[in-house]
Protein backbone atom coordinates (compact mmCIF):
# COMPACT_ATOMS: atom_id res chain seq x y z
CA MET A 1 -1.00 16.08 1.65
CA ALA A 2 0.13 12.96 -0.38
CA THR A 3 -1.04 9.48 -1.51
CA TYR A 4 1.26 6.76 0.62
CA VAL A 5 1.75 3.50 -1.25
CA VAL A 6 2.58 0.88 1.45
CA VAL A 7 4.53 -1.85 -0.32
CA SER A 8 4.59 -5.68 1.12
CA ALA A 9 7.02 -8.30 0.27
CA ALA A 10 4.89 -10.19 -2.72
CA GLU A 11 6.09 -10.33 -6.50
CA PRO A 12 4.22 -7.27 -7.71
CA ALA A 13 6.48 -5.10 -5.23
CA ARG A 14 9.27 -5.72 -7.99
CA ARG A 15 7.25 -3.51 -10.50
CA ILE A 16 5.79 -1.15 -7.95
CA HIS A 17 7.39 1.63 -10.24
CA GLU A 18 4.87 1.07 -12.77
CA LEU A 19 1.83 1.81 -9.81
CA LEU A 20 3.88 4.82 -9.12
CA ALA A 21 4.05 6.28 -12.54
CA LEU A 22 0.03 5.90 -12.76
CA LEU A 23 -0.50 7.45 -9.47
CA GLN A 24 1.52 10.46 -9.99
CA ARG A 25 0.69 13.84 -10.30
CA GLU A 26 3.67 15.44 -8.62
CA PRO A 27 6.88 14.23 -7.15
CA ARG A 28 5.62 15.57 -3.74
CA ASP A 29 2.52 13.83 -4.06
CA LEU A 30 3.88 10.33 -3.24
CA VAL A 31 5.51 8.61 -0.27
CA VAL A 32 6.74 5.09 -0.48
CA VAL A 33 6.63 2.83 2.46
CA THR A 34 7.90 -0.87 2.47
CA THR A 35 7.93 -3.53 4.83
CA PRO A 36 11.64 -4.44 5.93
CA THR A 37 11.54 -7.27 3.37
CA ALA A 38 9.84 -5.45 0.64
CA ALA A 39 12.76 -2.82 0.77
CA ASP A 40 14.99 -5.50 -0.96
CA TRP A 41 12.88 -6.32 -3.57
CA ILE A 42 12.04 -3.19 -5.02
CA ASP A 43 14.60 -1.15 -7.28
CA GLU A 44 14.75 1.96 -5.34
CA ARG A 45 16.06 3.96 -8.21
CA LYS A 46 13.13 3.25 -10.15
CA VAL A 47 11.20 4.38 -7.23
CA GLU A 48 13.01 7.55 -7.08
CA GLU A 49 11.78 8.55 -10.34
CA PHE A 50 8.46 9.35 -8.98
CA THR A 51 8.96 10.64 -5.46
CA MET A 52 10.93 13.50 -3.80
CA TRP A 53 10.77 11.83 -0.39
CA PRO A 54 13.33 9.24 0.69
CA LEU A 55 11.67 5.60 0.97
CA ARG A 56 10.83 4.85 4.24
CA ASN A 57 11.41 1.46 5.35
CA ARG A 58 12.19 1.57 8.94
CA GLN A 59 10.74 3.45 11.98
CA ARG A 60 11.65 6.95 12.53
CA ARG A 61 14.03 7.44 15.54
CA PHE A 62 12.62 9.81 18.37
CA ASP A 63 14.98 12.47 17.54
CA GLU A 64 14.35 12.34 13.92
CA PRO A 65 11.91 15.02 12.49
CA LYS A 66 9.10 14.04 10.64
CA ILE A 67 9.75 15.27 7.02
CA HIS A 68 6.94 13.52 4.85
CA PRO A 69 3.70 15.33 4.40
CA ALA A 70 0.54 13.96 5.79
CA ALA A 71 -1.42 11.56 3.85
CA THR A 72 -5.01 11.81 2.25
CA LEU A 73 -4.97 8.42 0.50
CA VAL A 74 -3.23 5.20 1.61
CA VAL A 75 -2.73 2.11 -1.05
CA ALA A 76 -1.16 -1.03 0.29
CA ALA A 77 -0.14 -2.43 -2.85
CA PRO A 78 0.79 -5.34 -2.79
CA ALA A 79 -0.33 -6.42 0.54
CA SER A 80 0.91 -9.85 1.40
CA PHE A 81 -0.56 -12.67 3.70
CA ASN A 82 1.63 -11.37 6.52
CA THR A 83 0.94 -7.65 6.34
CA ILE A 84 -3.00 -8.25 5.91
CA ASN A 85 -3.11 -10.49 9.13
CA LYS A 86 -0.71 -8.18 10.95
CA TRP A 87 -2.65 -5.13 9.92
CA ALA A 88 -5.95 -6.62 10.77
CA ALA A 89 -4.94 -7.65 14.11
CA GLY A 90 -3.71 -4.27 15.02
CA LEU A 91 -0.13 -5.40 15.21
CA ASN A 92 2.57 -2.44 14.74
CA ASP A 93 5.68 -4.14 14.33
CA ASP A 94 7.04 -2.26 11.55
CA VAL A 95 6.92 1.17 9.82
CA ALA A 96 4.57 0.20 6.81
CA LEU A 97 2.22 -1.36 9.67
CA GLY A 98 2.06 1.73 11.46
CA VAL A 99 1.26 3.72 8.49
CA LEU A 100 -1.62 1.32 7.84
CA ASN A 101 -2.68 1.28 11.39
CA GLU A 102 -2.78 5.17 11.88
CA ALA A 103 -4.84 5.46 8.29
CA LEU A 104 -7.23 3.20 9.41
CA GLY A 105 -7.49 4.77 12.99
CA ALA A 106 -7.68 8.29 11.30
CA GLY A 107 -10.36 7.25 8.80
CA LEU A 108 -8.18 8.00 5.79
CA PRO A 109 -9.58 6.10 2.68
CA ILE A 110 -7.31 3.15 1.70
CA VAL A 111 -7.44 0.92 -0.84
CA ALA A 112 -5.32 -2.67 -0.31
CA ALA A 113 -4.45 -5.03 -3.23
CA PRO A 114 -4.19 -8.33 -1.32
CA VAL A 115 -1.41 -10.80 -2.86
CA THR A 116 -0.84 -14.45 -1.95
CA GLY A 117 -0.69 -18.00 -2.93
CA PRO A 118 -4.03 -20.10 -3.22
CA ALA A 119 -3.42 -22.12 -0.22
CA LEU A 120 -2.77 -18.85 2.13
CA ALA A 121 -5.95 -17.14 0.32
CA SER A 122 -7.70 -20.04 1.81
CA HIS A 123 -6.53 -19.74 5.58
CA PRO A 124 -9.40 -18.65 7.82
CA ALA A 125 -6.99 -16.01 9.46
CA PHE A 126 -6.65 -14.65 6.22
CA ILE A 127 -10.37 -14.44 5.25
CA ARG A 128 -11.29 -13.34 8.78
CA SER A 129 -8.68 -10.27 8.19
CA LEU A 130 -9.99 -9.47 4.99
CA ARG A 131 -13.26 -9.26 6.43
CA THR A 132 -12.28 -7.29 9.14
CA LEU A 133 -10.33 -4.76 7.14
CA ALA A 134 -13.33 -4.54 4.88
CA GLU A 135 -15.72 -3.92 7.45
CA ALA A 136 -13.55 -0.97 8.76
CA GLY A 137 -13.97 0.68 5.36
CA VAL A 138 -10.57 -0.39 3.64
CA LEU A 139 -11.65 -1.02 -0.23
CA LEU A 140 -9.94 -4.40 -1.26
CA THR A 141 -9.18 -5.82 -4.45
CA ALA A 142 -9.91 -9.32 -5.43
CA THR A 143 -6.87 -11.58 -3.95
CA ASP A 144 -4.02 -11.53 -6.32
CA ALA A 145 -5.83 -9.17 -9.14
CA VAL A 146 -2.82 -7.14 -9.24
CA SER A 147 -1.01 -10.47 -10.38
CA GLY A 148 -2.65 -10.66 -13.45
CA PRO A 149 -2.71 -9.43 -16.66
CA GLU A 150 -4.38 -5.89 -16.02
CA GLY A 151 -1.51 -5.40 -13.85
CA TRP A 152 -2.33 -2.22 -11.32
CA GLN A 153 -5.88 -1.42 -13.10
CA PRO A 154 -7.71 -3.13 -10.24
CA VAL A 155 -5.98 -0.62 -7.72
CA LEU A 156 -6.82 2.56 -9.96
CA ALA A 157 -10.46 1.40 -10.20
CA LYS A 158 -10.79 1.09 -6.18
CA ILE A 159 -9.33 4.42 -6.10
CA ARG A 160 -11.58 5.65 -8.72
CA GLU A 161 -14.69 4.42 -6.29
CA LEU A 162 -13.34 6.88 -3.80
CA GLY A 163 -14.76 9.46 -6.27
CA GLU A 164 -12.96 12.53 -4.56
CA PHE A 165 -9.61 12.28 -6.42
CA PRO A 166 -8.33 13.78 -9.45
CA PRO A 167 -8.35 11.13 -12.61
CA LEU A 168 -5.42 8.95 -12.35
CA GLY A 169 -3.33 7.29 -15.50
CA GLY A 170 -4.35 4.38 -17.01
CA PRO A 171 -7.35 3.19 -18.95
């Protein structure tokens, strides 16, 4: 059983290792999954300090064994405009969306931190997508909350709202 951290290509992805440090209890507890673009944005060496699992950034081939543990919590942070819209529409064209869609369908607890610019945050499709995900039970931070001075604290606050997980790092 593990926490899956799904990372999209948005500026906070460059410091995803900071969130991992706050979430980590044991290296086997964290699995990091990225969109194809986000894979190039993160420092994989820093990520490897917090997980014993290989970074997932591509779909598993049919002949590859499943090696990652089952998820008990999914954290989509940062979740880009593109990821939010595709996820809400049920599109499944990369491994990150596959994890998000399966978690939503399975009723797993999910926390998402949408990150986008002001113009895209006002786009009607994005607003509808956020509403769709919230109605499906996804706990959402305010848009761009993780880009602000509090860093990852809004994500930790949403995880704490779930109430069923051990205390996490941070204030």
